[in-house]
Amino acid sequence: MRRTLSLVVAGVLAIVVIVTIVVAASGGGGSNDTASQQPLTVVRGVIGSEKKPFFSDPRVRAAFADAGLDVQVDTAGSRSIANTVDLSKYDFAFPAGTPAALKIRTDRGITTSYVPFFTPMAIATFTPIAQLLERAGVATDHGGWWSLDMHAFLDLVAKQTRWNQLPTNTEYPVSKFVLVTSTDVTTSNSAAMYASIASYAANGDRVLGNPSQVDDVLDELTPIFEQQGFTEQSSEAPFEDYLSIGIGKTPMVMVYESQFVARAASGDGSITPDMVLMYPDPDILSKHTLVPLSPHGDKVGRLLQDNPRLQHLAVVYGFRTADPTDFQQFVADHKVQTAPQLLNIVEPPTYDTLEALINALDAQLHSSSG
């Protein structure tokens, strides 16, 4: 009897041990583990390529996963997102600029949108170039960061001024035209914002009010793109040339401030001490505007705007948020010189007017090359 009872007890203990091992191997046994195995809701979005690194960051993905979401993104140009991308298969659209977002909202009768972060347009340049332009009366030193007088700059472009024609130029005596390198104005939001800034200055410090005013500024704007020759599709390519090839190829390049800040803060050595930011005066903010196309997309927009972790991670990628102190503390900690206050910020033209400007520039550039 005792031997039979012992065998029964041993058998029960063996079963308990086996069950324990199986549960441990499967990752069970705790409420947090069980919750972590709940299936995530897949949410698909189409975004501007400049935000791809942010959405790919494991910390960003983890923050969305904690909210039950697996956010998957495709990239496209902001103009394409508004014009040609099939949005029916997406839960949200997230272009880089307000005009494209407003176009999407208007076309689809959507009243909600989110602007979780933004960044000003800026010119990545070098201290010797900035000092040279300062002596020419075009740039101003603000103690580590610079501004570029767009009126004076457009005058230099209109006169087809070359670098070696600037007075007392020993820093960069080359025969290239004085230009800011940009991307393709027909495909890239950063180039469209550059055109918007220049159009404001060329239009007597007024935003182009309607498509009929485009002809008034077209002749002044065409050279800033025409004299560049080939232009890249994405803002990443000319910025990488600036970082790797340097002043010889790209003395000034139109970028998003966020690109420069994120790279400088990364500490990878690609931003050298003589590289500085120069802000166009006037300037435009690239407001990254999420348009929800489904309830799940709306949840993504609310999380990006309200979740403290996601807001701080946006700052890590160089973006400014509703809390200016977070950005200022971040750039101070990483010793990145940026404009502490954004002055003389203007709005871009409406979508229809900006489209008219881009199409007119495209026609001019093709007629010149043909």
Protein backbone atom coordinates (compact mmCIF):
# COMPACT_ATOMS: atom_id res chain seq x y z
CA MET A 1 0.00 0.00 0.00
CA ARG A 2 2.76 2.38 1.00
CA ARG A 3 4.73 1.46 -2.13
CA THR A 4 1.66 2.17 -4.32
CA LEU A 5 1.08 5.54 -2.62
CA SER A 6 4.73 6.49 -3.13
CA LEU A 7 4.48 5.66 -6.80
CA VAL A 8 1.35 7.83 -7.14
CA VAL A 9 3.03 10.78 -5.38
CA ALA A 10 6.11 10.41 -7.56
CA GLY A 11 3.96 10.37 -10.66
CA VAL A 12 2.11 13.52 -9.63
CA LEU A 13 5.38 15.30 -8.88
CA ALA A 14 6.76 14.29 -12.28
CA ILE A 15 3.68 15.72 -14.00
CA VAL A 16 4.04 18.98 -12.05
CA VAL A 17 7.70 19.26 -13.03
CA ILE A 18 6.90 18.59 -16.71
CA VAL A 19 4.09 21.16 -16.72
CA THR A 20 6.35 23.72 -15.05
CA ILE A 21 9.07 23.17 -17.63
CA VAL A 22 6.61 23.46 -20.52
CA VAL A 23 5.08 26.66 -19.11
CA ALA A 24 8.52 28.17 -18.51
CA ALA A 25 9.70 27.27 -21.98
CA SER A 26 6.62 28.83 -23.55
CA GLY A 27 7.15 32.11 -21.70
CA GLY A 28 3.96 31.82 -19.64
CA GLY A 29 3.38 32.14 -15.97
CA GLY A 30 3.03 35.92 -15.55
CA SER A 31 0.35 38.49 -16.33
CA ASN A 32 2.84 40.79 -18.11
CA ASP A 33 4.07 37.96 -20.34
CA THR A 34 0.52 37.05 -21.22
CA ALA A 35 -0.27 40.65 -22.10
CA SER A 36 2.85 40.93 -24.23
CA GLN A 37 1.67 37.99 -26.33
CA GLN A 38 -1.61 39.64 -27.21
CA PRO A 39 -1.71 40.13 -31.00
CA LEU A 40 -0.94 43.68 -32.12
CA THR A 41 -3.22 45.59 -34.46
CA VAL A 42 -1.41 46.30 -37.72
CA VAL A 43 -1.76 49.93 -38.74
CA ARG A 44 -0.43 51.05 -42.12
CA GLY A 45 0.63 54.55 -43.05
CA VAL A 46 2.33 56.40 -45.88
CA ILE A 47 4.90 58.96 -44.72
CA GLY A 48 7.51 61.35 -46.04
CA SER A 49 10.90 59.63 -46.31
CA GLU A 50 12.48 62.02 -43.79
CA LYS A 51 10.46 60.32 -41.00
CA LYS A 52 11.45 56.74 -41.90
CA PRO A 53 14.33 56.55 -39.37
CA PHE A 54 11.97 57.70 -36.59
CA PHE A 55 9.34 55.07 -37.37
CA SER A 56 12.02 52.38 -37.72
CA ASP A 57 13.53 53.08 -34.30
CA PRO A 58 12.96 50.08 -31.96
CA ARG A 59 12.04 52.46 -29.14
CA VAL A 60 9.30 54.03 -31.27
CA ARG A 61 8.03 50.62 -32.32
CA ALA A 62 8.00 49.52 -28.66
CA ALA A 63 5.98 52.57 -27.64
CA PHE A 64 3.38 51.78 -30.29
CA ALA A 65 3.41 48.09 -29.27
CA ASP A 66 2.68 49.06 -25.67
CA ALA A 67 -0.47 50.69 -27.04
CA GLY A 68 -1.33 47.52 -28.96
CA LEU A 69 -0.22 48.73 -32.38
CA ASP A 70 2.19 47.43 -35.00
CA VAL A 71 2.73 50.54 -37.14
CA GLN A 72 4.01 49.74 -40.64
CA VAL A 73 4.92 52.53 -43.07
CA ASP A 74 5.68 53.12 -46.73
CA THR A 75 7.43 56.25 -47.93
CA ALA A 76 6.55 58.70 -50.68
CA GLY A 77 7.07 62.36 -51.49
CA SER A 78 4.60 64.70 -49.84
CA ARG A 79 3.32 65.88 -53.21
CA SER A 80 2.83 62.28 -54.34
CA ILE A 81 0.99 61.42 -51.13
CA ALA A 82 -1.51 64.16 -51.89
CA ASN A 83 -1.74 63.51 -55.64
CA THR A 84 -1.01 59.98 -56.79
CA VAL A 85 -0.66 57.53 -53.90
CA ASP A 86 -3.62 55.16 -53.46
CA LEU A 87 -4.63 56.06 -49.93
CA SER A 88 -7.39 53.45 -49.74
CA LYS A 89 -4.96 50.87 -48.35
CA TYR A 90 -3.65 53.08 -45.57
CA ASP A 91 -4.85 54.05 -42.09
CA PHE A 92 -3.04 57.39 -42.10
CA ALA A 93 -1.14 59.76 -44.37
CA PHE A 94 1.75 61.73 -42.90
CA PRO A 95 3.26 64.24 -45.37
CA ALA A 96 5.94 66.74 -44.39
CA GLY A 97 3.94 69.88 -45.15
CA THR A 98 0.64 71.54 -44.35
CA PRO A 99 -0.45 72.14 -47.99
CA ALA A 100 -0.34 68.43 -48.87
CA ALA A 101 -2.15 67.48 -45.66
CA LEU A 102 -4.86 70.05 -46.30
CA LYS A 103 -5.32 68.71 -49.82
CA ILE A 104 -5.85 65.19 -48.46
CA ARG A 105 -8.31 66.41 -45.84
CA THR A 106 -10.27 68.45 -48.36
CA ASP A 107 -10.47 65.66 -50.91
CA ARG A 108 -11.69 63.17 -48.32
CA GLY A 109 -13.83 65.43 -46.16
CA ILE A 110 -11.68 64.82 -43.08
CA THR A 111 -11.78 67.43 -40.34
CA THR A 112 -9.13 65.98 -38.02
CA SER A 113 -5.37 66.17 -38.29
CA TYR A 114 -2.40 66.07 -35.92
CA VAL A 115 0.87 68.04 -35.95
CA PRO A 116 2.99 66.13 -33.41
CA PHE A 117 6.24 67.79 -34.44
CA PHE A 118 7.71 70.32 -36.85
CA THR A 119 11.05 71.65 -38.06
CA PRO A 120 12.16 74.87 -39.74
CA MET A 121 13.88 74.87 -43.09
CA ALA A 122 17.57 75.59 -42.75
CA ILE A 123 20.76 75.80 -44.79
CA ALA A 124 23.61 73.52 -43.81
CA THR A 125 26.84 75.37 -44.56
CA PHE A 126 30.36 76.05 -43.30
CA THR A 127 31.73 78.87 -41.14
CA PRO A 128 34.04 80.24 -43.90
CA ILE A 129 31.07 80.40 -46.33
CA ALA A 130 28.89 82.11 -43.72
CA GLN A 131 31.62 84.67 -42.99
CA LEU A 132 32.13 85.31 -46.69
CA LEU A 133 28.41 85.97 -47.14
CA GLU A 134 28.42 88.19 -44.06
CA ARG A 135 31.09 90.42 -45.63
CA ALA A 136 28.93 90.56 -48.77
CA GLY A 137 26.02 91.85 -46.65
CA VAL A 138 23.92 88.72 -47.16
CA ALA A 139 24.32 86.79 -43.88
CA THR A 140 24.27 87.66 -40.18
CA ASP A 141 26.06 85.89 -37.32
CA HIS A 142 23.89 85.34 -34.25
CA GLY A 143 26.58 83.76 -32.11
CA GLY A 144 26.92 80.25 -33.47
CA TRP A 145 23.98 80.15 -35.84
CA TRP A 146 23.38 82.34 -38.87
CA SER A 147 20.59 83.90 -40.92
CA LEU A 148 20.49 84.52 -44.67
CA ASP A 149 18.77 87.63 -46.04
CA MET A 150 16.67 86.15 -48.84
CA HIS A 151 16.21 89.49 -50.60
CA ALA A 152 19.97 90.08 -50.79
CA PHE A 153 20.55 86.47 -51.76
CA LEU A 154 18.05 86.63 -54.62
CA ASP A 155 19.82 89.74 -55.85
CA LEU A 156 23.10 87.79 -56.03
CA VAL A 157 21.38 84.98 -57.93
CA ALA A 158 19.69 87.41 -60.34
CA LYS A 159 23.10 88.91 -61.15
CA GLN A 160 24.52 85.41 -61.71
CA THR A 161 27.16 86.15 -59.10
CA ARG A 162 29.97 83.65 -58.80
CA TRP A 163 31.79 82.89 -55.57
CA ASN A 164 35.08 84.26 -56.83
CA GLN A 165 33.36 87.58 -57.60
CA LEU A 166 32.55 88.25 -53.95
CA PRO A 167 34.88 90.87 -52.41
CA THR A 168 37.88 89.73 -50.34
CA ASN A 169 37.09 86.11 -51.06
CA THR A 170 40.07 84.00 -50.07
CA GLU A 171 38.04 81.24 -48.41
CA TYR A 172 36.22 79.85 -51.46
CA PRO A 173 37.55 81.37 -54.69
CA VAL A 174 35.74 79.10 -57.14
CA SER A 175 33.87 80.04 -60.30
CA LYS A 176 30.59 78.33 -59.43
CA PHE A 177 27.43 80.40 -59.06
CA VAL A 178 26.38 81.45 -55.56
CA LEU A 179 23.52 79.03 -54.96
CA VAL A 180 21.86 76.91 -52.31
CA THR A 181 21.74 73.27 -53.36
CA SER A 182 18.23 71.83 -53.11
CA THR A 183 16.27 68.81 -54.23
CA ASP A 184 13.94 68.48 -57.23
CA VAL A 185 11.17 71.04 -56.80
CA THR A 186 8.69 68.77 -58.63
CA THR A 187 9.09 65.86 -56.22
CA SER A 188 10.52 67.02 -52.90
CA ASN A 189 8.81 68.91 -50.09
CA SER A 190 12.05 70.57 -48.97
CA ALA A 191 12.51 72.11 -52.43
CA ALA A 192 8.85 73.18 -52.49
CA MET A 193 9.39 74.93 -49.15
CA TYR A 194 12.52 76.59 -50.57
CA ALA A 195 10.44 77.85 -53.50
CA SER A 196 7.78 79.07 -51.06
CA ILE A 197 10.35 81.06 -49.07
CA ALA A 198 11.82 82.61 -52.20
CA SER A 199 8.36 83.40 -53.60
CA TYR A 200 7.45 85.29 -50.42
CA ALA A 201 10.58 87.46 -50.70
CA ALA A 202 10.13 87.96 -54.46
CA ASN A 203 6.47 88.93 -53.98
CA GLY A 204 7.25 91.94 -51.80
CA ASP A 205 7.12 89.99 -48.52
CA ARG A 206 3.67 88.63 -49.23
CA VAL A 207 2.49 85.05 -49.52
CA LEU A 208 1.34 84.25 -53.06
CA GLY A 209 -2.41 84.66 -52.74
CA ASN A 210 -3.57 82.71 -55.80
CA PRO A 211 -2.21 80.93 -58.89
CA SER A 212 -2.51 84.08 -61.01
CA GLN A 213 0.34 85.69 -59.03
CA VAL A 214 2.84 82.97 -59.94
CA ASP A 215 3.92 84.70 -63.14
CA ASP A 216 4.96 87.76 -61.11
CA VAL A 217 7.76 85.82 -59.35
CA LEU A 218 8.61 83.11 -61.87
CA ASP A 219 11.54 84.86 -63.53
CA GLU A 220 13.17 85.57 -60.17
CA LEU A 221 12.70 82.03 -58.85
CA THR A 222 13.69 80.03 -61.93
CA PRO A 223 17.47 80.69 -61.64
CA ILE A 224 17.73 79.31 -58.09
CA PHE A 225 16.80 75.89 -59.50
CA GLU A 226 17.95 76.20 -63.11
CA GLN A 227 21.56 77.03 -62.28
CA GLN A 228 21.88 73.98 -60.04
CA GLY A 229 21.70 71.49 -62.90
CA PHE A 230 20.73 67.98 -61.78
CA THR A 231 18.82 67.82 -58.50
CA GLU A 232 18.13 64.79 -56.31
CA GLN A 233 14.69 63.39 -55.51
CA SER A 234 15.17 63.20 -51.73
CA SER A 235 16.63 65.64 -49.20
CA GLU A 236 18.87 62.91 -47.79
CA ALA A 237 21.12 62.72 -50.90
CA PRO A 238 22.40 66.34 -51.01
CA PHE A 239 22.77 66.34 -47.22
CA GLU A 240 24.97 63.23 -47.43
CA ASP A 241 27.06 64.98 -50.12
CA TYR A 242 27.45 67.93 -47.76
CA LEU A 243 28.62 65.60 -44.99
CA SER A 244 30.92 63.35 -46.99
CA ILE A 245 32.25 65.46 -49.88
CA GLY A 246 32.12 68.80 -48.11
CA ILE A 247 32.54 72.40 -49.16
CA GLY A 248 34.01 71.62 -52.58
CA LYS A 249 30.75 70.23 -53.90
CA THR A 250 28.09 71.55 -51.56
CA PRO A 251 28.94 74.82 -49.78
CA MET A 252 25.26 75.39 -48.94
CA VAL A 253 22.40 72.89 -48.96
CA MET A 254 18.74 73.37 -48.11
CA VAL A 255 17.80 70.89 -45.37
CA TYR A 256 15.37 70.33 -42.59
CA GLU A 257 16.86 71.57 -39.31
CA SER A 258 15.97 68.14 -37.87
CA GLN A 259 18.42 66.41 -40.24
CA PHE A 260 21.37 68.48 -39.02
CA VAL A 261 20.39 68.26 -35.34
CA ALA A 262 19.85 64.50 -35.36
CA ARG A 263 23.17 63.86 -37.09
CA ALA A 264 25.10 66.23 -34.83
CA ALA A 265 23.55 64.71 -31.70
CA SER A 266 24.35 61.18 -32.86
CA GLY A 267 28.04 61.87 -32.22
CA ASP A 268 29.16 59.91 -35.28
CA GLY A 269 31.66 62.63 -36.24
CA SER A 270 30.00 63.52 -39.54
CA ILE A 271 29.19 67.05 -38.32
CA THR A 272 32.56 68.77 -37.99
CA PRO A 273 33.24 71.95 -35.96
CA ASP A 274 33.19 74.18 -39.05
CA MET A 275 29.70 73.03 -40.12
CA VAL A 276 26.94 75.45 -39.10
CA LEU A 277 23.25 76.09 -39.59
CA MET A 278 22.00 79.16 -41.44
CA TYR A 279 18.30 80.01 -41.43
CA PRO A 280 16.57 81.73 -44.37
CA ASP A 281 15.05 85.08 -43.44
CA PRO A 282 12.10 84.79 -43.88
CA ASP A 283 11.70 81.11 -43.05
CA ILE A 284 8.98 78.45 -43.20
CA LEU A 285 8.19 75.59 -40.83
CA SER A 286 7.77 72.12 -42.22
CA LYS A 287 4.79 71.02 -40.11
CA HIS A 288 4.59 67.25 -40.21
CA THR A 289 0.84 66.75 -40.35
CA LEU A 290 -0.80 63.34 -39.86
CA VAL A 291 -4.20 62.88 -41.49
CA PRO A 292 -6.10 59.88 -40.06
CA LEU A 293 -7.86 57.73 -42.63
CA SER A 294 -9.29 55.22 -40.14
CA PRO A 295 -9.88 54.98 -36.37
CA HIS A 296 -6.58 53.12 -35.99
CA GLY A 297 -4.82 55.89 -37.86
CA ASP A 298 -6.44 58.38 -35.53
CA LYS A 299 -5.00 56.47 -32.57
CA VAL A 300 -1.52 56.75 -34.10
CA GLY A 301 -1.97 60.51 -34.46
CA ARG A 302 -3.09 60.90 -30.86
CA LEU A 303 -0.21 58.80 -29.56
CA LEU A 304 2.37 60.77 -31.54
CA GLN A 305 0.96 64.04 -30.24
CA ASP A 306 0.26 63.09 -26.62
CA ASN A 307 2.56 60.21 -25.63
CA PRO A 308 5.57 61.65 -23.71
CA ARG A 309 7.91 58.86 -24.86
CA LEU A 310 7.08 59.41 -28.52
CA GLN A 311 7.31 63.18 -28.13
CA HIS A 312 10.80 62.91 -26.65
CA LEU A 313 11.92 60.43 -29.31
CA ALA A 314 10.81 62.94 -31.94
CA VAL A 315 13.19 65.43 -30.31
CA VAL A 316 15.97 62.83 -30.45
CA TYR A 317 15.43 62.80 -34.21
CA GLY A 318 15.85 66.58 -34.31
CA PHE A 319 12.21 67.63 -34.46
CA ARG A 320 10.68 70.42 -32.40
CA THR A 321 7.51 69.67 -30.43
CA ALA A 322 4.89 71.60 -28.48
CA ASP A 323 7.29 71.63 -25.51
CA PRO A 324 10.15 73.94 -26.57
CA THR A 325 12.14 73.23 -23.40
CA ASP A 326 12.67 69.57 -24.36
CA PHE A 327 14.25 70.53 -27.70
CA GLN A 328 16.36 73.32 -26.18
CA GLN A 329 17.65 71.02 -23.46
CA PHE A 330 18.46 68.34 -26.02
CA VAL A 331 20.50 70.61 -28.31
CA ALA A 332 22.23 72.18 -25.31
CA ASP A 333 23.19 68.75 -23.96
CA HIS A 334 24.63 67.78 -27.34
CA LYS A 335 26.19 71.21 -28.02
CA VAL A 336 24.30 71.80 -31.27
CA GLN A 337 23.94 75.46 -32.22
CA THR A 338 20.37 76.21 -33.36
CA ALA A 339 18.16 79.28 -33.40
CA PRO A 340 16.70 79.50 -29.88
CA GLN A 341 13.69 81.41 -31.17
CA LEU A 342 12.18 81.15 -34.62
CA LEU A 343 11.63 84.68 -35.88
CA ASN A 344 10.04 85.90 -39.12
CA ILE A 345 8.24 82.63 -39.83
CA VAL A 346 5.80 82.83 -42.76
CA GLU A 347 3.25 80.42 -44.16
CA PRO A 348 3.58 78.60 -47.48
CA PRO A 349 1.04 79.27 -50.23
CA THR A 350 -2.14 77.24 -50.35
CA TYR A 351 -1.96 73.85 -52.03
CA ASP A 352 -3.45 75.05 -55.33
CA THR A 353 -1.12 78.06 -55.52
CA LEU A 354 1.93 76.01 -54.59
CA GLU A 355 0.99 73.45 -57.25
CA ALA A 356 0.72 76.24 -59.81
CA LEU A 357 4.15 77.53 -58.79
CA ILE A 358 5.75 74.06 -59.00
CA ASN A 359 4.18 73.34 -62.38
CA ALA A 360 5.28 76.71 -63.74
CA LEU A 361 8.85 76.16 -62.52
CA ASP A 362 8.83 72.67 -64.02
CA ALA A 363 7.74 74.08 -67.39
CA GLN A 364 10.42 76.77 -67.26
CA LEU A 365 13.17 74.33 -66.33
CA HIS A 366 12.22 71.92 -69.09
CA SER A 367 11.98 74.65 -71.70
CA SER A 368 15.43 75.91 -70.67
CA SER A 369 17.00 72.44 -70.87
CA GLY A 370 15.23 71.63 -74.13
